[in-house]
């Protein structure tokens, strides 16, 4: 599954950029029923941006404890510590913590497999 962020910075390189070094970017990924997310990769201009992955409950807006490996960063292709199983009422919730105003997120992907 491909990950898309909402805002595009017009420049070179193209991607999402924040106006403040302490901002966070969030994205949601729907994993279809019958599939399980096993890896997450977010591509960006700086390898030092922290990536955190959670399961979001769409019924009450709560998130699980972090299911990504602690220390997952931009450009890592890391297996999740706990897999996310596709469900009608759950989505994969991904947080990217930027570290500088020139950090750019290009996009990313989630590796899924049929369960």
PDB file of N, CA and C in Angstrom:
ATOM      1  N   UNK A   1       0.849  -1.167   0.000  1.00  0.00           N
ATOM      2  CA  UNK A   1       0.000   0.000   0.000  1.00  0.00           C
ATOM      3  C   UNK A   1       0.895   1.231   0.000  1.00  0.00           C
ATOM      4  N   UNK A   2       0.588   2.183  -0.844  1.00  0.00           N
ATOM      5  CA  UNK A   2       1.380   3.399  -0.942  1.00  0.00           C
ATOM      6  C   UNK A   2       0.893   4.418   0.073  1.00  0.00           C
ATOM      7  N   UNK A   3       1.794   5.216   0.617  1.00  0.00           N
ATOM      8  CA  UNK A   3       1.443   6.244   1.582  1.00  0.00           C
ATOM      9  C   UNK A   3       1.538   7.597   0.909  1.00  0.00           C
ATOM     10  N   UNK A   4       0.488   8.396   1.036  1.00  0.00           N
ATOM     11  CA  UNK A   4       0.471   9.741   0.487  1.00  0.00           C
ATOM     12  C   UNK A   4       0.251  10.736   1.607  1.00  0.00           C
ATOM     13  N   UNK A   5       0.973  11.833   1.572  1.00  0.00           N
ATOM     14  CA  UNK A   5       0.774  12.921   2.514  1.00  0.00           C
ATOM     15  C   UNK A   5      -0.003  14.023   1.811  1.00  0.00           C
ATOM     16  N   UNK A   6      -0.640  14.918   2.575  1.00  0.00           N
ATOM     17  CA  UNK A   6      -1.622  15.850   2.015  1.00  0.00           C
ATOM     18  C   UNK A   6      -1.045  17.116   1.406  1.00  0.00           C
ATOM     19  N   UNK A   7       0.074  17.607   1.862  1.00  0.00           N
ATOM     20  CA  UNK A   7       0.593  18.897   1.412  1.00  0.00           C
ATOM     21  C   UNK A   7       1.821  18.676   0.546  1.00  0.00           C
ATOM     22  N   UNK A   8       1.911  19.395  -0.561  1.00  0.00           N
ATOM     23  CA  UNK A   8       3.065  19.271  -1.443  1.00  0.00           C
ATOM     24  C   UNK A   8       3.852  20.573  -1.414  1.00  0.00           C
ATOM     25  N   UNK A   9       5.128  20.487  -1.170  1.00  0.00           N
ATOM     26  CA  UNK A   9       6.019  21.651  -1.220  1.00  0.00           C
ATOM     27  C   UNK A   9       6.496  21.793  -2.654  1.00  0.00           C
ATOM     28  N   UNK A  10       6.325  22.983  -3.225  1.00  0.00           N
ATOM     29  CA  UNK A  10       6.773  23.216  -4.596  1.00  0.00           C
ATOM     30  C   UNK A  10       8.224  23.653  -4.565  1.00  0.00           C
ATOM     31  N   UNK A  11       9.085  22.800  -4.979  1.00  0.00           N
ATOM     32  CA  UNK A  11      10.515  23.067  -4.961  1.00  0.00           C
ATOM     33  C   UNK A  11      11.252  21.820  -5.378  1.00  0.00           C
ATOM     34  N   UNK A  12      12.513  21.800  -5.109  1.00  0.00           N
ATOM     35  CA  UNK A  12      13.278  20.644  -5.488  1.00  0.00           C
ATOM     36  C   UNK A  12      14.068  20.196  -4.265  1.00  0.00           C
ATOM     37  N   UNK A  13      13.869  19.044  -3.700  1.00  0.00           N
ATOM     38  CA  UNK A  13      12.974  17.985  -4.166  1.00  0.00           C
ATOM     39  C   UNK A  13      11.520  18.239  -3.781  1.00  0.00           C
ATOM     40  N   UNK A  14      10.621  17.549  -4.463  1.00  0.00           N
ATOM     41  CA  UNK A  14       9.194  17.665  -4.169  1.00  0.00           C
ATOM     42  C   UNK A  14       8.820  16.729  -3.039  1.00  0.00           C
ATOM     43  N   UNK A  15       7.930  17.170  -2.182  1.00  0.00           N
ATOM     44  CA  UNK A  15       7.474  16.367  -1.062  1.00  0.00           C
ATOM     45  C   UNK A  15       6.776  17.243  -0.057  1.00  0.00           C
ATOM     46  N   UNK A  16       6.646  16.750   1.153  1.00  0.00           N
ATOM     47  CA  UNK A  16       5.995  17.483   2.233  1.00  0.00           C
ATOM     48  C   UNK A  16       7.082  18.059   3.127  1.00  0.00           C
ATOM     49  N   UNK A  17       6.925  19.346   3.441  1.00  0.00           N
ATOM     50  CA  UNK A  17       7.885  20.028   4.308  1.00  0.00           C
ATOM     51  C   UNK A  17       7.096  20.860   5.301  1.00  0.00           C
ATOM     52  N   UNK A  18       7.577  20.927   6.536  1.00  0.00           N
ATOM     53  CA  UNK A  18       6.902  21.730   7.556  1.00  0.00           C
ATOM     54  C   UNK A  18       7.592  23.082   7.698  1.00  0.00           C
ATOM     55  N   UNK A  19       6.900  24.028   8.306  1.00  0.00           N
ATOM     56  CA  UNK A  19       7.460  25.347   8.529  1.00  0.00           C
ATOM     57  C   UNK A  19       8.171  25.472   9.864  1.00  0.00           C
ATOM     58  N   UNK A  20       8.163  24.399  10.656  1.00  0.00           N
ATOM     59  CA  UNK A  20       8.758  24.421  11.983  1.00  0.00           C
ATOM     60  C   UNK A  20       9.453  23.087  12.221  1.00  0.00           C
ATOM     61  N   UNK A  21      10.638  23.123  12.782  1.00  0.00           N
ATOM     62  CA  UNK A  21      11.412  21.895  13.003  1.00  0.00           C
ATOM     63  C   UNK A  21      10.748  20.951  13.994  1.00  0.00           C
ATOM     64  N   UNK A  22       9.869  21.465  14.854  1.00  0.00           N
ATOM     65  CA  UNK A  22       9.230  20.632  15.867  1.00  0.00           C
ATOM     66  C   UNK A  22       7.856  20.121  15.454  1.00  0.00           C
ATOM     67  N   UNK A  23       7.530  20.187  14.185  1.00  0.00           N
ATOM     68  CA  UNK A  23       6.216  19.717  13.721  1.00  0.00           C
ATOM     69  C   UNK A  23       6.233  18.211  13.509  1.00  0.00           C
ATOM     70  N   UNK A  24       5.032  17.653  13.532  1.00  0.00           N
ATOM     71  CA  UNK A  24       4.871  16.233  13.254  1.00  0.00           C
ATOM     72  C   UNK A  24       3.922  16.086  12.073  1.00  0.00           C
ATOM     73  N   UNK A  25       4.150  15.086  11.263  1.00  0.00           N
ATOM     74  CA  UNK A  25       3.270  14.761  10.143  1.00  0.00           C
ATOM     75  C   UNK A  25       2.595  13.438  10.459  1.00  0.00           C
ATOM     76  N   UNK A  26       1.335  13.311  10.069  1.00  0.00           N
ATOM     77  CA  UNK A  26       0.576  12.092  10.326  1.00  0.00           C
ATOM     78  C   UNK A  26      -0.071  11.615   9.036  1.00  0.00           C
ATOM     79  N   UNK A  27      -0.170  10.319   8.899  1.00  0.00           N
ATOM     80  CA  UNK A  27      -0.905   9.746   7.786  1.00  0.00           C
ATOM     81  C   UNK A  27      -1.603   8.477   8.269  1.00  0.00           C
ATOM     82  N   UNK A  28      -2.651   8.117   7.573  1.00  0.00           N
ATOM     83  CA  UNK A  28      -3.449   6.934   7.890  1.00  0.00           C
ATOM     84  C   UNK A  28      -3.423   6.015   6.682  1.00  0.00           C
ATOM     85  N   UNK A  29      -3.340   4.717   6.933  1.00  0.00           N
ATOM     86  CA  UNK A  29      -3.337   3.734   5.857  1.00  0.00           C
ATOM     87  C   UNK A  29      -4.375   2.669   6.185  1.00  0.00           C
ATOM     88  N   UNK A  30      -5.280   2.447   5.247  1.00  0.00           N
ATOM     89  CA  UNK A  30      -6.289   1.403   5.400  1.00  0.00           C
ATOM     90  C   UNK A  30      -5.709   0.091   4.890  1.00  0.00           C
ATOM     91  N   UNK A  31      -5.583  -0.871   5.756  1.00  0.00           N
ATOM     92  CA  UNK A  31      -5.125  -2.205   5.374  1.00  0.00           C
ATOM     93  C   UNK A  31      -6.382  -3.038   5.143  1.00  0.00           C
ATOM     94  N   UNK A  32      -6.563  -3.583   3.942  1.00  0.00           N
ATOM     95  CA  UNK A  32      -7.798  -4.305   3.625  1.00  0.00           C
ATOM     96  C   UNK A  32      -8.010  -5.546   4.492  1.00  0.00           C
ATOM     97  N   UNK A  33      -9.274  -5.912   4.649  1.00  0.00           N
ATOM     98  CA  UNK A  33      -9.611  -7.160   5.337  1.00  0.00           C
ATOM     99  C   UNK A  33      -8.904  -8.314   4.650  1.00  0.00           C
ATOM    100  N   UNK A  34      -8.416  -9.235   5.418  1.00  0.00           N
ATOM    101  CA  UNK A  34      -7.717 -10.386   4.860  1.00  0.00           C
ATOM    102  C   UNK A  34      -6.228 -10.145   4.631  1.00  0.00           C
ATOM    103  N   UNK A  35      -5.747  -8.960   5.018  1.00  0.00           N
ATOM    104  CA  UNK A  35      -4.331  -8.630   4.854  1.00  0.00           C
ATOM    105  C   UNK A  35      -3.741  -8.157   6.177  1.00  0.00           C
ATOM    106  N   UNK A  36      -2.424  -8.279   6.297  1.00  0.00           N
ATOM    107  CA  UNK A  36      -1.711  -7.856   7.485  1.00  0.00           C
ATOM    108  C   UNK A  36      -0.536  -6.985   7.070  1.00  0.00           C
ATOM    109  N   UNK A  37      -0.361  -5.835   7.733  1.00  0.00           N
ATOM    110  CA  UNK A  37       0.798  -4.974   7.499  1.00  0.00           C
ATOM    111  C   UNK A  37       1.971  -5.514   8.296  1.00  0.00           C
ATOM    112  N   UNK A  38       3.123  -5.684   7.639  1.00  0.00           N
ATOM    113  CA  UNK A  38       4.297  -6.259   8.286  1.00  0.00           C
ATOM    114  C   UNK A  38       5.505  -5.319   8.318  1.00  0.00           C
ATOM    115  N   UNK A  39       5.552  -4.323   7.417  1.00  0.00           N
ATOM    116  CA  UNK A  39       6.660  -3.368   7.352  1.00  0.00           C
ATOM    117  C   UNK A  39       6.117  -1.994   6.990  1.00  0.00           C
ATOM    118  N   UNK A  40       6.831  -0.955   7.420  1.00  0.00           N
ATOM    119  CA  UNK A  40       6.523   0.418   7.027  1.00  0.00           C
ATOM    120  C   UNK A  40       7.831   1.082   6.629  1.00  0.00           C
ATOM    121  N   UNK A  41       7.785   1.828   5.549  1.00  0.00           N
ATOM    122  CA  UNK A  41       8.948   2.618   5.122  1.00  0.00           C
ATOM    123  C   UNK A  41       8.465   4.005   4.728  1.00  0.00           C
ATOM    124  N   UNK A  42       9.082   5.037   5.304  1.00  0.00           N
ATOM    125  CA  UNK A  42       8.815   6.422   4.945  1.00  0.00           C
ATOM    126  C   UNK A  42      10.111   6.978   4.367  1.00  0.00           C
ATOM    127  N   UNK A  43      10.051   7.490   3.148  1.00  0.00           N
ATOM    128  CA  UNK A  43      11.237   8.023   2.482  1.00  0.00           C
ATOM    129  C   UNK A  43      11.317   9.528   2.664  1.00  0.00           C
ATOM    130  N   UNK A  44      12.516  10.009   2.988  1.00  0.00           N
ATOM    131  CA  UNK A  44      12.699  11.435   3.194  1.00  0.00           C
ATOM    132  C   UNK A  44      14.130  11.871   2.970  1.00  0.00           C
ATOM    133  N   UNK A  45      14.325  13.172   3.081  1.00  0.00           N
ATOM    134  CA  UNK A  45      15.632  13.767   2.802  1.00  0.00           C
ATOM    135  C   UNK A  45      16.638  13.603   3.943  1.00  0.00           C
ATOM    136  N   UNK A  46      16.176  13.219   5.120  1.00  0.00           N
ATOM    137  CA  UNK A  46      17.043  13.123   6.301  1.00  0.00           C
ATOM    138  C   UNK A  46      16.769  11.795   6.992  1.00  0.00           C
ATOM    139  N   UNK A  47      17.804  11.011   7.219  1.00  0.00           N
ATOM    140  CA  UNK A  47      17.643   9.700   7.858  1.00  0.00           C
ATOM    141  C   UNK A  47      17.314   9.774   9.343  1.00  0.00           C
ATOM    142  N   UNK A  48      17.320  10.970   9.948  1.00  0.00           N
ATOM    143  CA  UNK A  48      17.173  11.099  11.396  1.00  0.00           C
ATOM    144  C   UNK A  48      15.744  11.377  11.859  1.00  0.00           C
ATOM    145  N   UNK A  49      14.757  11.392  10.964  1.00  0.00           N
ATOM    146  CA  UNK A  49      13.377  11.647  11.391  1.00  0.00           C
ATOM    147  C   UNK A  49      12.785  10.373  11.978  1.00  0.00           C
ATOM    148  N   UNK A  50      12.252  10.463  13.189  1.00  0.00           N
ATOM    149  CA  UNK A  50      11.661   9.304  13.857  1.00  0.00           C
ATOM    150  C   UNK A  50      10.301   8.978  13.260  1.00  0.00           C
ATOM    151  N   UNK A  51      10.048   7.681  13.098  1.00  0.00           N
ATOM    152  CA  UNK A  51       8.777   7.171  12.591  1.00  0.00           C
ATOM    153  C   UNK A  51       8.166   6.301  13.680  1.00  0.00           C
ATOM    154  N   UNK A  52       6.891   6.552  13.996  1.00  0.00           N
ATOM    155  CA  UNK A  52       6.171   5.721  14.958  1.00  0.00           C
ATOM    156  C   UNK A  52       4.898   5.212  14.281  1.00  0.00           C
ATOM    157  N   UNK A  53       4.576   3.952  14.513  1.00  0.00           N
ATOM    158  CA  UNK A  53       3.414   3.326  13.884  1.00  0.00           C
ATOM    159  C   UNK A  53       2.497   2.778  14.972  1.00  0.00           C
ATOM    160  N   UNK A  54       1.206   3.031  14.804  1.00  0.00           N
ATOM    161  CA  UNK A  54       0.186   2.607  15.768  1.00  0.00           C
ATOM    162  C   UNK A  54      -1.008   2.027  15.010  1.00  0.00           C
ATOM    163  N   UNK A  55      -1.895   1.390  15.751  1.00  0.00           N
ATOM    164  CA  UNK A  55      -3.206   1.017  15.220  1.00  0.00           C
ATOM    165  C   UNK A  55      -4.214   2.015  15.768  1.00  0.00           C
ATOM    166  N   UNK A  56      -4.975   2.641  14.875  1.00  0.00           N
ATOM    167  CA  UNK A  56      -5.995   3.619  15.246  1.00  0.00           C
ATOM    168  C   UNK A  56      -7.356   2.944  15.243  1.00  0.00           C
ATOM    169  N   UNK A  57      -8.103   3.074  16.343  1.00  0.00           N
ATOM    170  CA  UNK A  57      -9.462   2.543  16.444  1.00  0.00           C
ATOM    171  C   UNK A  57     -10.427   3.609  15.941  1.00  0.00           C
ATOM    172  N   UNK A  58     -11.125   3.338  14.849  1.00  0.00           N
ATOM    173  CA  UNK A  58     -12.029   4.314  14.234  1.00  0.00           C
ATOM    174  C   UNK A  58     -13.324   4.499  15.014  1.00  0.00           C
ATOM    175  N   UNK A  59     -13.625   3.610  15.956  1.00  0.00           N
ATOM    176  CA  UNK A  59     -14.849   3.740  16.749  1.00  0.00           C
ATOM    177  C   UNK A  59     -14.718   4.771  17.861  1.00  0.00           C
ATOM    178  N   UNK A  60     -13.512   4.879  18.448  1.00  0.00           N
ATOM    179  CA  UNK A  60     -13.366   5.814  19.568  1.00  0.00           C
ATOM    180  C   UNK A  60     -12.151   6.735  19.462  1.00  0.00           C
ATOM    181  N   UNK A  61     -11.374   6.633  18.385  1.00  0.00           N
ATOM    182  CA  UNK A  61     -10.248   7.531  18.168  1.00  0.00           C
ATOM    183  C   UNK A  61      -9.011   7.238  18.995  1.00  0.00           C
ATOM    184  N   UNK A  62      -8.965   6.106  19.672  1.00  0.00           N
ATOM    185  CA  UNK A  62      -7.790   5.762  20.474  1.00  0.00           C
ATOM    186  C   UNK A  62      -6.741   5.072  19.607  1.00  0.00           C
ATOM    187  N   UNK A  63      -5.492   5.138  20.051  1.00  0.00           N
ATOM    188  CA  UNK A  63      -4.434   4.421  19.358  1.00  0.00           C
ATOM    189  C   UNK A  63      -3.836   3.383  20.301  1.00  0.00           C
ATOM    190  N   UNK A  64      -3.294   2.343  19.696  1.00  0.00           N
ATOM    191  CA  UNK A  64      -2.626   1.283  20.449  1.00  0.00           C
ATOM    192  C   UNK A  64      -1.283   1.793  20.948  1.00  0.00           C
ATOM    193  N   UNK A  65      -0.609   0.970  21.715  1.00  0.00           N
ATOM    194  CA  UNK A  65       0.792   1.245  21.991  1.00  0.00           C
ATOM    195  C   UNK A  65       1.558   1.139  20.680  1.00  0.00           C
ATOM    196  N   UNK A  66       2.737   1.714  20.627  1.00  0.00           N
ATOM    197  CA  UNK A  66       3.525   1.712  19.387  1.00  0.00           C
ATOM    198  C   UNK A  66       3.767   0.282  18.914  1.00  0.00           C
ATOM    199  N   UNK A  67       3.450   0.010  17.632  1.00  0.00           N
ATOM    200  CA  UNK A  67       3.666  -1.323  17.071  1.00  0.00           C
ATOM    201  C   UNK A  67       4.910  -1.371  16.196  1.00  0.00           C
ATOM    202  N   UNK A  68       5.530  -0.211  15.961  1.00  0.00           N
ATOM    203  CA  UNK A  68       6.776  -0.193  15.200  1.00  0.00           C
ATOM    204  C   UNK A  68       7.940  -0.482  16.138  1.00  0.00           C
ATOM    205  N   UNK A  69       9.031  -0.865  15.548  1.00  0.00           N
ATOM    206  CA  UNK A  69      10.244  -1.066  16.340  1.00  0.00           C
ATOM    207  C   UNK A  69      10.732   0.280  16.838  1.00  0.00           C
ATOM    208  N   UNK A  70      11.074   0.385  18.091  1.00  0.00           N
ATOM    209  CA  UNK A  70      11.632   1.623  18.632  1.00  0.00           C
ATOM    210  C   UNK A  70      12.883   1.968  17.838  1.00  0.00           C
ATOM    211  N   UNK A  71      13.002   3.233  17.464  1.00  0.00           N
ATOM    212  CA  UNK A  71      14.164   3.647  16.692  1.00  0.00           C
ATOM    213  C   UNK A  71      13.953   3.598  15.192  1.00  0.00           C
ATOM    214  N   UNK A  72      12.749   3.270  14.730  1.00  0.00           N
ATOM    215  CA  UNK A  72      12.460   3.293  13.295  1.00  0.00           C
ATOM    216  C   UNK A  72      12.599   4.729  12.812  1.00  0.00           C
ATOM    217  N   UNK A  73      13.360   4.937  11.743  1.00  0.00           N
ATOM    218  CA  UNK A  73      13.574   6.277  11.220  1.00  0.00           C
ATOM    219  C   UNK A  73      13.331   6.317   9.716  1.00  0.00           C
ATOM    220  N   UNK A  74      13.327   7.529   9.200  1.00  0.00           N
ATOM    221  CA  UNK A  74      13.148   7.730   7.773  1.00  0.00           C
ATOM    222  C   UNK A  74      14.134   6.871   6.991  1.00  0.00           C
ATOM    223  N   UNK A  75      13.670   6.308   5.893  1.00  0.00           N
ATOM    224  CA  UNK A  75      14.449   5.493   4.960  1.00  0.00           C
ATOM    225  C   UNK A  75      14.788   4.101   5.493  1.00  0.00           C
ATOM    226  N   UNK A  76      14.283   3.738   6.697  1.00  0.00           N
ATOM    227  CA  UNK A  76      14.413   2.365   7.205  1.00  0.00           C
ATOM    228  C   UNK A  76      13.324   1.505   6.576  1.00  0.00           C
ATOM    229  N   UNK A  77      13.646   0.274   6.297  1.00  0.00           N
ATOM    230  CA  UNK A  77      12.664  -0.704   5.825  1.00  0.00           C
ATOM    231  C   UNK A  77      12.599  -1.766   6.909  1.00  0.00           C
ATOM    232  N   UNK A  78      11.845  -1.460   7.965  1.00  0.00           N
ATOM    233  CA  UNK A  78      11.898  -2.260   9.173  1.00  0.00           C
ATOM    234  C   UNK A  78      10.616  -3.043   9.398  1.00  0.00           C
ATOM    235  N   UNK A  79      10.768  -4.294   9.775  1.00  0.00           N
ATOM    236  CA  UNK A  79       9.637  -5.127  10.147  1.00  0.00           C
ATOM    237  C   UNK A  79       8.986  -4.531  11.392  1.00  0.00           C
ATOM    238  N   UNK A  80       7.648  -4.503  11.414  1.00  0.00           N
ATOM    239  CA  UNK A  80       6.935  -4.003  12.589  1.00  0.00           C
ATOM    240  C   UNK A  80       7.122  -4.968  13.753  1.00  0.00           C
ATOM    241  N   UNK A  81       7.208  -4.432  14.962  1.00  0.00           N
ATOM    242  CA  UNK A  81       7.340  -5.269  16.159  1.00  0.00           C
ATOM    243  C   UNK A  81       6.063  -6.086  16.368  1.00  0.00           C
ATOM    244  N   UNK A  82       4.900  -5.492  16.049  1.00  0.00           N
ATOM    245  CA  UNK A  82       3.606  -6.176  16.088  1.00  0.00           C
ATOM    246  C   UNK A  82       2.899  -5.898  14.773  1.00  0.00           C
ATOM    247  N   UNK A  83       2.443  -6.930  14.119  1.00  0.00           N
ATOM    248  CA  UNK A  83       1.744  -6.745  12.845  1.00  0.00           C
ATOM    249  C   UNK A  83       0.394  -6.077  13.053  1.00  0.00           C
ATOM    250  N   UNK A  84      -0.064  -5.351  12.027  1.00  0.00           N
ATOM    251  CA  UNK A  84      -1.377  -4.718  12.036  1.00  0.00           C
ATOM    252  C   UNK A  84      -2.273  -5.524  11.105  1.00  0.00           C
ATOM    253  N   UNK A  85      -3.341  -6.104  11.644  1.00  0.00           N
ATOM    254  CA  UNK A  85      -4.272  -6.912  10.863  1.00  0.00           C
ATOM    255  C   UNK A  85      -5.400  -6.013  10.380  1.00  0.00           C
ATOM    256  N   UNK A  86      -5.690  -6.057   9.084  1.00  0.00           N
ATOM    257  CA  UNK A  86      -6.757  -5.247   8.503  1.00  0.00           C
ATOM    258  C   UNK A  86      -8.100  -5.546   9.158  1.00  0.00           C
ATOM    259  N   UNK A  87      -8.867  -4.475   9.416  1.00  0.00           N
ATOM    260  CA  UNK A  87     -10.185  -4.604  10.055  1.00  0.00           C
ATOM    261  C   UNK A  87     -11.064  -3.445   9.606  1.00  0.00           C
ATOM    262  N   UNK A  88     -12.390  -3.641   9.686  1.00  0.00           N
ATOM    263  CA  UNK A  88     -13.329  -2.583   9.303  1.00  0.00           C
ATOM    264  C   UNK A  88     -13.199  -1.339  10.170  1.00  0.00           C
ATOM    265  N   UNK A  89     -12.827  -1.515  11.425  1.00  0.00           N
ATOM    266  CA  UNK A  89     -12.822  -0.405  12.378  1.00  0.00           C
ATOM    267  C   UNK A  89     -11.423   0.012  12.823  1.00  0.00           C
ATOM    268  N   UNK A  90     -10.387  -0.364  12.069  1.00  0.00           N
ATOM    269  CA  UNK A  90      -9.004  -0.038  12.437  1.00  0.00           C
ATOM    270  C   UNK A  90      -8.239   0.455  11.207  1.00  0.00           C
ATOM    271  N   UNK A  91      -7.290   1.377  11.446  1.00  0.00           N
ATOM    272  CA  UNK A  91      -6.384   1.836  10.392  1.00  0.00           C
ATOM    273  C   UNK A  91      -4.975   1.899  10.959  1.00  0.00           C
ATOM    274  N   UNK A  92      -4.001   1.831  10.082  1.00  0.00           N
ATOM    275  CA  UNK A  92      -2.616   2.038  10.463  1.00  0.00           C
ATOM    276  C   UNK A  92      -2.402   3.545  10.587  1.00  0.00           C
ATOM    277  N   UNK A  93      -1.814   3.989  11.680  1.00  0.00           N
ATOM    278  CA  UNK A  93      -1.611   5.403  11.979  1.00  0.00           C
ATOM    279  C   UNK A  93      -0.106   5.633  12.081  1.00  0.00           C
ATOM    280  N   UNK A  94       0.440   6.503  11.225  1.00  0.00           N
ATOM    281  CA  UNK A  94       1.884   6.701  11.155  1.00  0.00           C
ATOM    282  C   UNK A  94       2.231   8.143  11.485  1.00  0.00           C
ATOM    283  N   UNK A  95       3.187   8.318  12.386  1.00  0.00           N
ATOM    284  CA  UNK A  95       3.654   9.641  12.812  1.00  0.00           C
ATOM    285  C   UNK A  95       5.100   9.820  12.362  1.00  0.00           C
ATOM    286  N   UNK A  96       5.390  10.987  11.760  1.00  0.00           N
ATOM    287  CA  UNK A  96       6.745  11.339  11.360  1.00  0.00           C
ATOM    288  C   UNK A  96       7.140  12.592  12.132  1.00  0.00           C
ATOM    289  N   UNK A  97       8.219  12.531  12.894  1.00  0.00           N
ATOM    290  CA  UNK A  97       8.707  13.678  13.658  1.00  0.00           C
ATOM    291  C   UNK A  97       9.861  14.325  12.893  1.00  0.00           C
ATOM    292  N   UNK A  98       9.628  15.523  12.376  1.00  0.00           N
ATOM    293  CA  UNK A  98      10.676  16.216  11.639  1.00  0.00           C
ATOM    294  C   UNK A  98      11.694  16.798  12.615  1.00  0.00           C
ATOM    295  N   UNK A  99      12.902  17.064  12.116  1.00  0.00           N
ATOM    296  CA  UNK A  99      13.966  17.585  12.968  1.00  0.00           C
ATOM    297  C   UNK A  99      14.513  18.929  12.491  1.00  0.00           C
ATOM    298  N   UNK A 100      14.151  19.364  11.290  1.00  0.00           N
ATOM    299  CA  UNK A 100      14.633  20.630  10.741  1.00  0.00           C
ATOM    300  C   UNK A 100      13.651  21.135   9.695  1.00  0.00           C
ATOM    301  N   UNK A 101      13.649  22.428   9.436  1.00  0.00           N
ATOM    302  CA  UNK A 101      12.701  22.999   8.472  1.00  0.00           C
ATOM    303  C   UNK A 101      12.994  22.581   7.041  1.00  0.00           C
ATOM    304  N   UNK A 102      14.183  22.056   6.785  1.00  0.00           N
ATOM    305  CA  UNK A 102      14.483  21.612   5.420  1.00  0.00           C
ATOM    306  C   UNK A 102      14.264  20.104   5.241  1.00  0.00           C
ATOM    307  N   UNK A 103      13.692  19.425   6.249  1.00  0.00           N
ATOM    308  CA  UNK A 103      13.337  18.010   6.101  1.00  0.00           C
ATOM    309  C   UNK A 103      12.181  17.876   5.120  1.00  0.00           C
ATOM    310  N   UNK A 104      12.310  16.961   4.171  1.00  0.00           N
ATOM    311  CA  UNK A 104      11.258  16.726   3.180  1.00  0.00           C
ATOM    312  C   UNK A 104      10.888  15.248   3.218  1.00  0.00           C
ATOM    313  N   UNK A 105       9.584  14.984   3.274  1.00  0.00           N
ATOM    314  CA  UNK A 105       9.077  13.610   3.172  1.00  0.00           C
ATOM    315  C   UNK A 105       8.594  13.410   1.740  1.00  0.00           C
ATOM    316  N   UNK A 106       9.104  12.362   1.090  1.00  0.00           N
ATOM    317  CA  UNK A 106       8.752  12.080  -0.297  1.00  0.00           C
ATOM    318  C   UNK A 106       7.534  11.164  -0.411  1.00  0.00           C
ATOM    319  N   UNK A 107       7.277  10.358   0.600  1.00  0.00           N
ATOM    320  CA  UNK A 107       6.190   9.379   0.572  1.00  0.00           C
ATOM    321  C   UNK A 107       6.662   8.115   1.250  1.00  0.00           C
ATOM    322  N   UNK A 108       6.017   7.021   0.990  1.00  0.00           N
ATOM    323  CA  UNK A 108       6.427   5.778   1.600  1.00  0.00           C
ATOM    324  C   UNK A 108       5.495   4.644   1.224  1.00  0.00           C
ATOM    325  N   UNK A 109       5.676   3.537   1.884  1.00  0.00           N
ATOM    326  CA  UNK A 109       4.811   2.402   1.602  1.00  0.00           C
ATOM    327  C   UNK A 109       4.718   1.481   2.807  1.00  0.00           C
ATOM    328  N   UNK A 110       3.669   0.678   2.784  1.00  0.00           N
ATOM    329  CA  UNK A 110       3.453  -0.346   3.790  1.00  0.00           C
ATOM    330  C   UNK A 110       3.468  -1.682   3.067  1.00  0.00           C
ATOM    331  N   UNK A 111       4.248  -2.624   3.572  1.00  0.00           N
ATOM    332  CA  UNK A 111       4.256  -3.968   3.009  1.00  0.00           C
ATOM    333  C   UNK A 111       3.135  -4.752   3.665  1.00  0.00           C
ATOM    334  N   UNK A 112       2.248  -5.313   2.849  1.00  0.00           N
ATOM    335  CA  UNK A 112       1.143  -6.123   3.376  1.00  0.00           C
ATOM    336  C   UNK A 112       1.215  -7.517   2.762  1.00  0.00           C
ATOM    337  N   UNK A 113       0.678  -8.463   3.494  1.00  0.00           N
ATOM    338  CA  UNK A 113       0.598  -9.843   2.991  1.00  0.00           C
ATOM    339  C   UNK A 113      -0.780 -10.401   3.319  1.00  0.00           C
ATOM    340  N   UNK A 114      -1.217 -11.293   2.483  1.00  0.00           N
ATOM    341  CA  UNK A 114      -2.511 -11.915   2.700  1.00  0.00           C
ATOM    342  C   UNK A 114      -2.440 -12.823   3.924  1.00  0.00           C
ATOM    343  N   UNK A 115      -3.507 -12.758   4.756  1.00  0.00           N
ATOM    344  CA  UNK A 115      -3.512 -13.594   5.961  1.00  0.00           C
ATOM    345  C   UNK A 115      -4.465 -14.757   5.809  1.00  0.00           C
TER     346      UNK A 115
END
